[in-house]
Amino acid sequence: MKDMTLRWGDWAAVAVYFAITLLIGWRAKARQGNATDYFLDSRRTHWIIAGVSLYATLFSTVSFVGMPGEAYKNGVLYGLYSFGYFLFTPLAMWLLLRFFYDTRSFTAYEYLERRYDGRVRTLGAILFLGARLLSGATVLYAAARIFETLVGWNAGATILVVGLFTIYYCYVGGMRAIMLTDFMQTAVILLGLGCILFKLLALAGFDLGAVWQNAAGQGKTFGQVLKPEFYTLDPHARFTFWVWLAMSVLAPLNNYGTDQLVVQRLLSTNSYASARRAIWLKTAAALPLSASFYLVGLLLLYYYQRVAPPPPKVEADQVLGLFISQHLPQPVPGLVVAALLAALMSTISSTVGSLATVGTVDLVQRFSRAELSHEKVLALGKWFTVGGGVLTIALALALVFVGQRTETTVVEVANVCNSLWGVLLVVVLAGIFTSWATARAAFVALLLGIAMNATLPWFFYFGTPPAERISFAWVGLPGMAVATLVVLAGSLLDGRKTRQLAGLTWKQQASKP
């Protein structure tokens, strides 16, 4: 595939994007006086900014390209996941969110210490650091490969430039810079999406009925949900009702209960009510936006089957880039590249910021023998920002040098990382819904669950021929099942009593006025 050619107008659009990002970082620097300012924007972020930031941080360059590619190749059935996330988000808020607002928490893992003990909190924090570091590096690597295909940029150079620039504005502006740039970056993403969508609709004669009928004739709409095979219990099936249900329930519970990447934005607001509004904004906005990206895929399918000659042999994820290079005049390709950069930088900045917060608050500050001053904690946070960013860049570069043979596997590693959140979720839910779950049982449950979900996939997933693999949605079930058994049965057998649990269980929270 021929690389997209960027002209002077396109480069001007990219340059303006970088300049605005840098300006936001510098302006945010003025509001830093202590660690609360740096990590949580003084807990005064408006809920609209927090809600938009939530969307931006969970949306990546891979999503920008991957959702249209999925619709082009396999149809829109996978888009039901967005609807499922919408349905089960209220459950996650109702069960989990209130526990972060009883105390002035900095991280999602402080609850683990209040409910269990410091060992459980430390292990939960270490789990987050490892999984989020690998996940962030994977996203950075995968996005760099997209830019290599789309624009012809060297993957290693893209990782270095984008990574170092992101570290810089995170270091300078802290959480306020991250969330304000998220807000701006979302606007850039929407503008890029709008340009692509309008051009495709115009080429299709704005005939959405014909576009839908074309996809339906190939079995790429929602007709699959009416077929018995969609409800099969075969774990090897790619996407079934049961895969949808598992993903729809677990994803919001993991996001709002165990992932500092998400929780940190909610803790930056001034109240539980503001955090709820932010979540509702993000959830309500994500549904039509996801639908728009899937619609782009169906429009591409229609265009290259009914309007223009079929594209050359390119991967499904490359079709969008091919269309942009052929049909969008400058500076629109530059705007789309800026949108892809925005999606990437939002994810990486959120990763770096959350790594810095957890490393500083959950590890160094807790284990320091002397009480650290506000200035010292702030300095540590900035150094952790640099350190977390450099590690993310280094790991992404390592993935580049490993070579092409691991490319598919590396993307799948992100799904294995996500399975680790389920183990932590089990321990959190046991603490919330029982008064008898003990710290010792929770610690052992975490250890065993992490060990299983970090090792078994390498034997039973990556070590299995693709045609014989189970769906990635089930990869995390063994660790979750073992963790559930250990924390519940182990707590009943543990002779130690649990500590005072005032306000730390769901029953006590629900009884509050």
Protein backbone atom coordinates (compact mmCIF):
# COMPACT_ATOMS: atom_id res chain seq x y z
CA MET A 1 0.00 0.00 0.00
CA LYS A 2 1.25 3.48 -0.89
CA ASP A 3 1.93 5.67 2.14
CA MET A 4 -0.29 8.70 2.71
CA THR A 5 1.51 11.78 1.40
CA LEU A 6 1.41 14.76 3.77
CA ARG A 7 1.64 18.16 2.07
CA TRP A 8 2.49 21.50 3.64
CA GLY A 9 -1.12 22.11 4.73
CA ASP A 10 -1.23 18.70 6.40
CA TRP A 11 2.01 19.31 8.26
CA ALA A 12 0.65 22.68 9.38
CA ALA A 13 -2.37 20.93 10.95
CA VAL A 14 -0.08 18.51 12.80
CA ALA A 15 2.16 21.39 13.95
CA VAL A 16 -0.81 23.35 15.30
CA TYR A 17 -1.93 20.29 17.26
CA PHE A 18 1.51 19.89 18.88
CA ALA A 19 1.70 23.60 19.67
CA ILE A 20 -1.69 23.65 21.41
CA THR A 21 -0.79 20.55 23.42
CA LEU A 22 2.46 22.16 24.56
CA LEU A 23 0.68 25.40 25.49
CA ILE A 24 -1.86 23.54 27.63
CA GLY A 25 0.94 21.78 29.50
CA TRP A 26 2.70 25.05 30.25
CA ARG A 27 -0.48 26.81 31.42
CA ALA A 28 -1.35 23.88 33.71
CA LYS A 29 2.02 24.24 35.44
CA ALA A 30 0.82 27.41 37.21
CA ARG A 31 -1.61 25.40 39.38
CA GLN A 32 0.93 23.08 41.00
CA GLY A 33 1.72 23.57 44.65
CA ASN A 34 1.56 20.07 46.10
CA ALA A 35 0.91 16.43 45.27
CA THR A 36 -2.87 16.87 45.23
CA ASP A 37 -2.50 19.53 42.55
CA TYR A 38 -0.14 17.38 40.50
CA PHE A 39 -1.91 14.01 40.79
CA LEU A 40 -5.58 15.06 41.08
CA ASP A 41 -5.81 18.64 39.79
CA SER A 42 -6.65 19.80 43.35
CA ARG A 43 -9.85 17.71 43.20
CA ARG A 44 -11.65 20.53 41.36
CA THR A 45 -11.87 19.24 37.81
CA HIS A 46 -15.24 19.98 36.25
CA TRP A 47 -17.25 16.84 35.62
CA ILE A 48 -17.56 17.62 31.90
CA ILE A 49 -13.78 17.72 31.50
CA ALA A 50 -13.44 14.54 33.58
CA GLY A 51 -16.10 12.76 31.49
CA VAL A 52 -14.48 13.70 28.18
CA SER A 53 -11.09 12.70 29.58
CA LEU A 54 -12.51 9.30 30.54
CA TYR A 55 -13.53 8.71 26.94
CA ALA A 56 -10.21 9.90 25.54
CA THR A 57 -8.08 7.78 27.84
CA LEU A 58 -9.92 4.56 26.96
CA PHE A 59 -9.79 5.34 23.23
CA SER A 60 -6.57 4.73 21.34
CA THR A 61 -5.14 4.95 17.85
CA VAL A 62 -5.72 1.22 17.58
CA SER A 63 -9.43 1.84 18.26
CA PHE A 64 -9.58 4.63 15.65
CA VAL A 65 -8.31 2.29 12.96
CA GLY A 66 -9.50 -1.00 14.43
CA MET A 67 -13.23 -0.35 14.72
CA PRO A 68 -13.69 0.58 11.04
CA GLY A 69 -11.41 -2.32 10.12
CA GLU A 70 -13.49 -4.73 12.21
CA ALA A 71 -16.72 -3.56 10.56
CA TYR A 72 -15.15 -3.76 7.08
CA LYS A 73 -13.91 -7.31 7.59
CA ASN A 74 -16.31 -8.96 10.04
CA GLY A 75 -19.28 -6.61 10.37
CA VAL A 76 -20.76 -4.65 13.26
CA LEU A 77 -21.66 -7.50 15.61
CA TYR A 78 -18.67 -6.78 17.85
CA GLY A 79 -20.08 -3.28 18.30
CA LEU A 80 -22.66 -4.79 20.66
CA TYR A 81 -19.92 -4.62 23.27
CA SER A 82 -20.31 -0.83 23.40
CA PHE A 83 -24.03 -1.26 24.06
CA GLY A 84 -23.31 -3.84 26.75
CA TYR A 85 -20.83 -1.49 28.43
CA PHE A 86 -23.56 1.16 28.43
CA LEU A 87 -26.05 -1.25 30.03
CA PHE A 88 -23.80 -2.41 32.86
CA THR A 89 -22.08 0.86 33.76
CA PRO A 90 -24.83 1.79 36.29
CA LEU A 91 -24.14 -1.49 38.09
CA ALA A 92 -20.44 -0.63 38.37
CA MET A 93 -21.21 2.85 39.71
CA TRP A 94 -23.73 1.54 42.21
CA LEU A 95 -21.44 -1.19 43.54
CA LEU A 96 -18.00 0.40 43.52
CA LEU A 97 -17.73 4.14 43.06
CA ARG A 98 -18.90 5.30 46.48
CA PHE A 99 -16.04 3.52 48.27
CA PHE A 100 -13.47 5.93 46.84
CA TYR A 101 -15.14 9.01 48.30
CA ASP A 102 -15.35 8.16 52.00
CA THR A 103 -11.74 9.21 52.43
CA ARG A 104 -9.51 11.54 50.48
CA SER A 105 -8.09 8.73 48.35
CA PHE A 106 -5.38 9.21 45.75
CA THR A 107 -5.55 5.73 44.23
CA ALA A 108 -7.94 2.84 43.70
CA TYR A 109 -5.82 0.62 45.94
CA GLU A 110 -6.17 2.56 49.19
CA TYR A 111 -9.50 0.79 49.69
CA LEU A 112 -7.65 -2.53 49.76
CA GLU A 113 -5.58 -1.40 52.73
CA ARG A 114 -8.58 -0.04 54.63
CA ARG A 115 -10.59 -3.21 54.00
CA TYR A 116 -7.78 -5.78 54.26
CA ASP A 117 -4.22 -4.67 55.02
CA GLY A 118 -1.14 -3.07 53.53
CA ARG A 119 0.12 -6.28 51.90
CA VAL A 120 -3.02 -6.58 49.76
CA ARG A 121 -2.76 -2.93 48.76
CA THR A 122 0.89 -3.32 47.80
CA LEU A 123 0.23 -6.41 45.71
CA GLY A 124 -2.71 -4.72 43.99
CA ALA A 125 -0.53 -1.70 43.18
CA ILE A 126 2.27 -3.89 41.80
CA LEU A 127 -0.24 -5.76 39.66
CA PHE A 128 -1.45 -2.44 38.24
CA LEU A 129 2.08 -1.18 37.53
CA GLY A 130 3.09 -4.31 35.64
CA ALA A 131 -0.11 -4.79 33.67
CA ARG A 132 -0.57 -1.12 32.78
CA LEU A 133 3.07 -0.70 31.77
CA LEU A 134 2.87 -3.65 29.38
CA SER A 135 -0.52 -2.52 28.07
CA GLY A 136 0.71 1.05 27.47
CA ALA A 137 3.81 -0.18 25.67
CA THR A 138 1.68 -2.45 23.50
CA VAL A 139 -0.61 0.41 22.49
CA LEU A 140 2.39 2.63 21.71
CA TYR A 141 4.01 -0.09 19.62
CA ALA A 142 0.81 -0.98 17.75
CA ALA A 143 0.09 2.69 17.02
CA ALA A 144 3.64 3.23 15.75
CA ARG A 145 3.15 0.36 13.32
CA ILE A 146 -0.08 1.99 12.14
CA PHE A 147 1.77 5.25 11.45
CA GLU A 148 4.47 3.27 9.65
CA THR A 149 1.87 1.77 7.32
CA LEU A 150 -0.25 4.88 6.95
CA VAL A 151 2.30 7.69 6.67
CA GLY A 152 5.60 5.88 6.25
CA TRP A 153 7.04 7.01 9.59
CA ASN A 154 9.67 4.77 11.12
CA ALA A 155 8.10 2.91 14.05
CA GLY A 156 11.05 3.40 16.42
CA ALA A 157 11.26 7.12 15.65
CA THR A 158 7.51 7.53 16.19
CA ILE A 159 7.74 5.84 19.58
CA LEU A 160 10.61 8.08 20.65
CA VAL A 161 9.16 11.38 19.43
CA VAL A 162 5.58 10.84 20.57
CA GLY A 163 6.65 9.19 23.82
CA LEU A 164 9.14 11.89 24.83
CA PHE A 165 6.77 14.71 23.89
CA THR A 166 4.01 13.12 25.97
CA ILE A 167 6.32 12.65 28.95
CA TYR A 168 7.30 16.30 28.74
CA TYR A 169 3.83 17.81 28.95
CA CYS A 170 2.82 15.30 31.65
CA TYR A 171 5.94 16.22 33.66
CA VAL A 172 5.29 19.94 33.29
CA GLY A 173 1.52 20.07 33.78
CA GLY A 174 0.55 16.98 35.79
CA MET A 175 -3.01 15.67 35.84
CA ARG A 176 -4.54 18.99 34.85
CA ALA A 177 -2.47 19.07 31.67
CA ILE A 178 -3.38 15.44 30.94
CA MET A 179 -7.12 16.02 31.28
CA LEU A 180 -7.18 19.35 29.44
CA THR A 181 -5.21 17.87 26.57
CA ASP A 182 -7.60 14.89 26.64
CA PHE A 183 -10.43 17.39 26.15
CA MET A 184 -8.68 19.04 23.22
CA GLN A 185 -7.58 15.72 21.78
CA THR A 186 -11.16 14.44 21.83
CA ALA A 187 -12.21 17.47 19.78
CA VAL A 188 -9.47 16.68 17.25
CA ILE A 189 -10.59 13.04 17.10
CA LEU A 190 -14.21 14.07 16.50
CA LEU A 191 -13.19 16.55 13.80
CA GLY A 192 -11.15 13.89 12.01
CA LEU A 193 -13.98 11.39 12.28
CA GLY A 194 -16.46 13.95 10.99
CA CYS A 195 -14.39 14.69 7.88
CA ILE A 196 -14.03 10.99 7.05
CA LEU A 197 -17.70 10.24 7.71
CA PHE A 198 -19.00 13.16 5.63
CA LYS A 199 -16.81 12.29 2.64
CA LEU A 200 -17.84 8.63 2.72
CA LEU A 201 -21.53 9.52 3.05
CA ALA A 202 -21.24 11.90 0.10
CA LEU A 203 -19.61 9.21 -2.06
CA ALA A 204 -22.39 6.80 -1.06
CA GLY A 205 -25.05 9.35 -2.04
CA PHE A 206 -26.11 9.64 1.62
CA ASP A 207 -28.05 6.41 1.06
CA LEU A 208 -27.65 4.70 4.43
CA GLY A 209 -30.33 2.18 3.51
CA ALA A 210 -28.26 0.89 0.61
CA VAL A 211 -25.15 0.78 2.77
CA TRP A 212 -26.95 -1.27 5.41
CA GLN A 213 -28.51 -3.63 2.86
CA ASN A 214 -25.10 -4.22 1.29
CA ALA A 215 -23.67 -5.21 4.68
CA ALA A 216 -26.73 -7.28 5.61
CA GLY A 217 -26.46 -9.24 2.38
CA GLN A 218 -23.01 -10.38 3.50
CA GLY A 219 -24.06 -11.23 7.05
CA LYS A 220 -22.24 -8.22 8.52
CA THR A 221 -25.07 -6.60 10.47
CA PHE A 222 -26.87 -7.84 13.59
CA GLY A 223 -28.70 -10.73 11.96
CA GLN A 224 -26.30 -13.13 13.68
CA VAL A 225 -28.04 -12.57 17.03
CA LEU A 226 -31.10 -14.41 15.67
CA LYS A 227 -29.11 -17.53 14.85
CA PRO A 228 -28.63 -20.42 17.32
CA GLU A 229 -24.84 -20.40 16.86
CA PHE A 230 -24.67 -16.94 18.46
CA TYR A 231 -25.74 -18.60 21.73
CA THR A 232 -23.41 -21.55 21.50
CA LEU A 233 -21.43 -22.57 24.58
CA ASP A 234 -18.42 -23.48 22.45
CA PRO A 235 -15.52 -21.55 24.03
CA HIS A 236 -13.70 -21.50 20.68
CA ALA A 237 -16.34 -19.29 19.03
CA ARG A 238 -14.96 -15.81 18.32
CA PHE A 239 -17.92 -13.72 19.54
CA THR A 240 -21.08 -15.13 21.09
CA PHE A 241 -23.78 -13.93 23.45
CA TRP A 242 -21.79 -15.31 26.38
CA VAL A 243 -18.60 -13.55 25.29
CA TRP A 244 -20.61 -10.34 24.95
CA LEU A 245 -22.14 -10.79 28.41
CA ALA A 246 -18.80 -11.49 30.08
CA MET A 247 -17.12 -8.51 28.46
CA SER A 248 -20.06 -6.19 29.09
CA VAL A 249 -20.25 -6.99 32.81
CA LEU A 250 -16.55 -7.23 33.63
CA ALA A 251 -15.23 -4.24 31.66
CA PRO A 252 -17.07 -1.46 33.57
CA LEU A 253 -16.53 -3.26 36.89
CA ASN A 254 -12.80 -3.48 36.22
CA ASN A 255 -12.57 0.09 34.92
CA TYR A 256 -14.40 1.76 37.80
CA GLY A 257 -13.25 -0.53 40.56
CA THR A 258 -9.66 -1.60 39.94
CA ASP A 259 -8.01 0.52 37.22
CA GLN A 260 -6.20 3.63 38.46
CA LEU A 261 -6.14 4.90 34.88
CA VAL A 262 -9.90 5.50 35.16
CA VAL A 263 -10.35 6.01 38.90
CA GLN A 264 -7.79 8.82 39.01
CA ARG A 265 -9.98 10.96 36.77
CA LEU A 266 -12.99 10.38 38.98
CA LEU A 267 -11.02 11.24 42.12
CA SER A 268 -10.03 14.53 40.46
CA THR A 269 -13.61 15.76 40.69
CA ASN A 270 -14.93 17.38 43.86
CA SER A 271 -17.61 14.86 44.84
CA TYR A 272 -19.25 11.51 44.31
CA ALA A 273 -22.09 13.26 42.45
CA SER A 274 -19.65 14.93 40.04
CA ALA A 275 -17.91 11.61 39.40
CA ARG A 276 -21.24 10.01 38.54
CA ARG A 277 -22.05 12.81 36.10
CA ALA A 278 -18.64 12.35 34.47
CA ILE A 279 -19.28 8.64 34.01
CA TRP A 280 -22.73 9.23 32.56
CA LEU A 281 -21.33 11.76 30.10
CA LYS A 282 -18.58 9.40 28.99
CA THR A 283 -20.96 6.43 28.70
CA ALA A 284 -23.68 8.33 26.82
CA ALA A 285 -21.17 9.86 24.39
CA ALA A 286 -19.24 6.66 23.73
CA LEU A 287 -22.24 4.80 22.31
CA PRO A 288 -22.94 7.07 19.29
CA LEU A 289 -19.22 7.63 18.73
CA SER A 290 -18.53 3.90 18.58
CA ALA A 291 -21.49 3.49 16.23
CA SER A 292 -19.99 6.18 13.99
CA PHE A 293 -16.66 4.39 13.75
CA TYR A 294 -18.39 1.11 12.86
CA LEU A 295 -20.48 3.00 10.30
CA VAL A 296 -17.24 4.20 8.68
CA GLY A 297 -16.30 0.54 8.19
CA LEU A 298 -19.64 -0.28 6.53
CA LEU A 299 -19.33 2.79 4.31
CA LEU A 300 -15.85 1.70 3.24
CA LEU A 301 -17.24 -1.75 2.45
CA TYR A 302 -20.02 -0.22 0.35
CA TYR A 303 -17.72 2.21 -1.44
CA TYR A 304 -15.15 -0.39 -2.48
CA GLN A 305 -17.81 -2.89 -3.54
CA ARG A 306 -20.46 -0.72 -5.21
CA VAL A 307 -18.87 2.60 -6.14
CA ALA A 308 -15.15 2.18 -6.77
CA PRO A 309 -12.99 -0.77 -7.85
CA PRO A 310 -12.00 -3.09 -4.98
CA PRO A 311 -8.83 -2.01 -3.18
CA PRO A 312 -5.56 -3.85 -3.70
CA LYS A 313 -4.65 -6.59 -1.27
CA VAL A 314 -4.43 -4.71 2.00
CA GLU A 315 -5.30 -5.63 5.56
CA ALA A 316 -8.69 -4.53 6.85
CA ASP A 317 -7.04 -2.04 9.22
CA GLN A 318 -5.30 -0.40 6.24
CA VAL A 319 -8.42 0.30 4.17
CA LEU A 320 -9.20 3.52 6.05
CA GLY A 321 -5.71 4.84 5.38
CA LEU A 322 -6.03 3.93 1.71
CA PHE A 323 -9.28 5.87 1.44
CA ILE A 324 -7.85 8.93 3.20
CA SER A 325 -4.83 9.01 0.90
CA GLN A 326 -7.04 8.80 -2.19
CA HIS A 327 -9.96 11.10 -1.40
CA LEU A 328 -9.30 13.67 1.32
CA PRO A 329 -7.65 16.99 0.32
CA GLN A 330 -5.16 18.83 2.49
CA PRO A 331 -5.22 19.70 5.33
CA VAL A 332 -7.70 16.89 6.10
CA PRO A 333 -5.10 14.07 5.99
CA GLY A 334 -2.99 16.12 8.38
CA LEU A 335 -6.04 16.56 10.61
CA VAL A 336 -6.62 12.79 10.58
CA VAL A 337 -2.97 12.17 11.46
CA ALA A 338 -3.35 14.70 14.29
CA ALA A 339 -6.45 12.80 15.43
CA LEU A 340 -4.51 9.53 15.43
CA LEU A 341 -1.71 11.20 17.39
CA ALA A 342 -4.28 12.64 19.80
CA ALA A 343 -5.76 9.20 20.44
CA LEU A 344 -2.30 7.77 21.07
CA MET A 345 -1.03 10.58 23.27
CA SER A 346 -4.18 10.56 25.39
CA THR A 347 -3.71 6.87 26.18
CA ILE A 348 0.04 7.19 26.86
CA SER A 349 -0.31 10.33 29.00
CA SER A 350 -2.99 8.61 31.09
CA THR A 351 -0.75 5.58 31.49
CA VAL A 352 2.23 7.69 32.54
CA GLY A 353 0.16 9.75 34.97
CA SER A 354 -1.40 6.74 36.66
CA LEU A 355 1.95 4.92 36.91
CA ALA A 356 3.44 8.00 38.60
CA THR A 357 0.59 8.27 41.10
CA VAL A 358 0.60 4.61 42.11
CA GLY A 359 4.39 4.43 42.30
CA THR A 360 4.59 7.54 44.48
CA VAL A 361 1.55 7.13 46.74
CA ASP A 362 1.11 3.36 47.04
CA LEU A 363 4.77 2.40 47.22
CA VAL A 364 7.39 5.06 47.98
CA GLN A 365 5.34 7.32 50.26
CA ARG A 366 3.91 4.40 52.23
CA PHE A 367 7.27 2.73 52.82
CA SER A 368 9.26 5.87 53.53
CA ARG A 369 10.65 5.84 57.07
CA ALA A 370 10.33 9.59 57.42
CA GLU A 371 7.27 11.68 56.67
CA LEU A 372 7.71 13.27 53.26
CA SER A 373 7.01 16.96 52.74
CA HIS A 374 4.56 18.12 50.08
CA GLU A 375 7.47 19.35 47.99
CA LYS A 376 9.23 15.98 48.24
CA VAL A 377 6.11 14.05 47.22
CA LEU A 378 5.60 16.42 44.29
CA ALA A 379 9.21 15.92 43.18
CA LEU A 380 8.85 12.15 43.47
CA GLY A 381 5.69 12.28 41.36
CA LYS A 382 7.51 14.13 38.61
CA TRP A 383 10.41 11.68 38.66
CA PHE A 384 7.98 8.76 38.50
CA THR A 385 6.32 10.46 35.52
CA VAL A 386 9.64 10.45 33.71
CA GLY A 387 10.54 6.94 34.86
CA GLY A 388 7.18 5.41 33.93
CA GLY A 389 7.27 7.11 30.54
CA VAL A 390 10.81 5.99 29.79
CA LEU A 391 9.99 2.40 30.74
CA THR A 392 6.92 2.48 28.47
CA ILE A 393 9.03 3.79 25.58
CA ALA A 394 11.78 1.24 26.22
CA LEU A 395 9.37 -1.67 26.25
CA ALA A 396 7.64 -0.44 23.09
CA LEU A 397 11.03 -0.14 21.35
CA ALA A 398 11.88 -3.66 22.49
CA LEU A 399 8.69 -4.88 20.81
CA VAL A 400 9.78 -3.18 17.58
CA PHE A 401 13.17 -4.89 17.62
CA VAL A 402 11.70 -8.31 18.40
CA GLY A 403 10.47 -8.37 14.82
CA GLN A 404 7.46 -9.03 12.65
CA ARG A 405 6.90 -12.58 13.87
CA THR A 406 5.58 -11.40 17.22
CA GLU A 407 3.31 -8.67 15.88
CA THR A 408 0.03 -10.50 16.26
CA THR A 409 1.00 -11.99 19.58
CA VAL A 410 1.97 -8.61 21.02
CA VAL A 411 -1.51 -7.23 20.38
CA GLU A 412 -2.99 -10.28 22.06
CA VAL A 413 -0.77 -9.71 25.10
CA ALA A 414 -2.90 -6.67 25.89
CA ASN A 415 -5.92 -8.95 26.28
CA VAL A 416 -3.96 -11.19 28.63
CA CYS A 417 -3.03 -8.13 30.70
CA ASN A 418 -6.70 -7.24 30.95
CA SER A 419 -7.40 -10.67 32.42
CA LEU A 420 -5.32 -9.70 35.46
CA TRP A 421 -7.85 -7.03 36.45
CA GLY A 422 -10.45 -9.76 36.96
CA VAL A 423 -8.37 -11.31 39.75
CA LEU A 424 -8.16 -7.96 41.55
CA LEU A 425 -11.88 -7.42 41.01
CA VAL A 426 -12.66 -10.69 42.78
CA VAL A 427 -10.80 -9.53 45.90
CA VAL A 428 -12.45 -6.10 45.80
CA LEU A 429 -15.95 -7.58 45.48
CA ALA A 430 -15.27 -10.08 48.28
CA GLY A 431 -14.34 -7.17 50.53
CA ILE A 432 -17.42 -5.21 49.58
CA PHE A 433 -20.02 -7.97 49.82
CA THR A 434 -18.76 -9.96 52.81
CA SER A 435 -17.83 -8.91 56.31
CA TRP A 436 -15.76 -12.03 56.86
CA ALA A 437 -13.25 -11.96 53.98
CA THR A 438 -9.80 -11.81 55.59
CA ALA A 439 -6.58 -10.13 54.55
CA ARG A 440 -4.56 -13.34 54.53
CA ALA A 441 -7.05 -15.11 52.24
CA ALA A 442 -7.24 -12.07 49.96
CA PHE A 443 -3.45 -11.89 49.67
CA VAL A 444 -3.13 -15.60 48.78
CA ALA A 445 -6.04 -15.30 46.34
CA LEU A 446 -4.29 -12.44 44.55
CA LEU A 447 -1.00 -14.31 44.39
CA LEU A 448 -2.52 -17.49 42.97
CA GLY A 449 -4.86 -15.70 40.58
CA ILE A 450 -2.09 -13.51 39.19
CA ALA A 451 0.23 -16.50 38.81
CA MET A 452 -2.39 -18.45 36.88
CA ASN A 453 -3.49 -15.64 34.56
CA ALA A 454 0.10 -14.60 33.87
CA THR A 455 1.28 -18.11 32.94
CA LEU A 456 -1.57 -20.34 31.73
CA PRO A 457 -2.28 -18.27 28.57
CA TRP A 458 1.25 -18.93 27.35
CA PHE A 459 0.53 -22.67 27.38
CA PHE A 460 -3.17 -22.86 26.54
CA TYR A 461 -3.54 -19.81 24.27
CA PHE A 462 -0.30 -18.70 22.65
CA GLY A 463 0.99 -22.27 22.62
CA THR A 464 -2.13 -23.49 20.83
CA PRO A 465 -2.72 -23.26 17.05
CA PRO A 466 -5.01 -20.30 16.26
CA ALA A 467 -7.79 -22.52 14.94
CA GLU A 468 -7.91 -24.40 18.26
CA ARG A 469 -7.74 -21.44 20.64
CA ILE A 470 -10.56 -20.48 22.95
CA SER A 471 -11.95 -16.94 22.74
CA PHE A 472 -9.70 -14.40 24.48
CA ALA A 473 -12.67 -13.44 26.69
CA TRP A 474 -12.24 -16.71 28.62
CA VAL A 475 -8.47 -16.48 29.12
CA GLY A 476 -8.86 -14.86 32.54
CA LEU A 477 -11.49 -17.24 33.93
CA PRO A 478 -9.12 -19.79 35.58
CA GLY A 479 -7.40 -17.14 37.69
CA MET A 480 -10.72 -15.52 38.63
CA ALA A 481 -12.23 -18.88 39.61
CA VAL A 482 -9.26 -19.83 41.77
CA ALA A 483 -9.14 -16.37 43.37
CA THR A 484 -12.86 -16.58 44.20
CA LEU A 485 -12.51 -20.02 45.77
CA VAL A 486 -9.46 -19.05 47.80
CA VAL A 487 -10.73 -15.73 49.14
CA LEU A 488 -14.12 -17.15 50.15
CA ALA A 489 -13.18 -20.60 51.39
CA GLY A 490 -9.88 -19.40 52.81
CA SER A 491 -11.58 -16.63 54.76
CA LEU A 492 -14.05 -19.08 56.31
CA LEU A 493 -11.15 -21.29 57.42
CA ASP A 494 -9.00 -18.37 58.58
CA GLY A 495 -9.20 -17.98 62.34
CA ARG A 496 -8.21 -14.31 62.24
CA LYS A 497 -10.94 -11.75 62.67
CA THR A 498 -11.41 -8.96 60.19
CA ARG A 499 -10.71 -5.41 61.26
CA GLN A 500 -13.30 -2.72 61.90
CA LEU A 501 -15.26 -2.33 58.69
CA ALA A 502 -17.25 0.86 59.23
CA GLY A 503 -18.26 2.13 55.80
CA LEU A 504 -16.17 -0.47 53.96
CA THR A 505 -18.86 -2.97 52.92
CA TRP A 506 -21.81 -2.56 50.61
CA LYS A 507 -24.35 -3.22 53.36
CA GLN A 508 -22.92 -0.43 55.50
CA GLN A 509 -22.75 1.95 52.58
CA ALA A 510 -26.31 1.17 51.51
CA SER A 511 -27.60 1.90 55.03
CA LYS A 512 -26.17 5.42 54.97
CA PRO A 513 -28.68 8.25 54.64
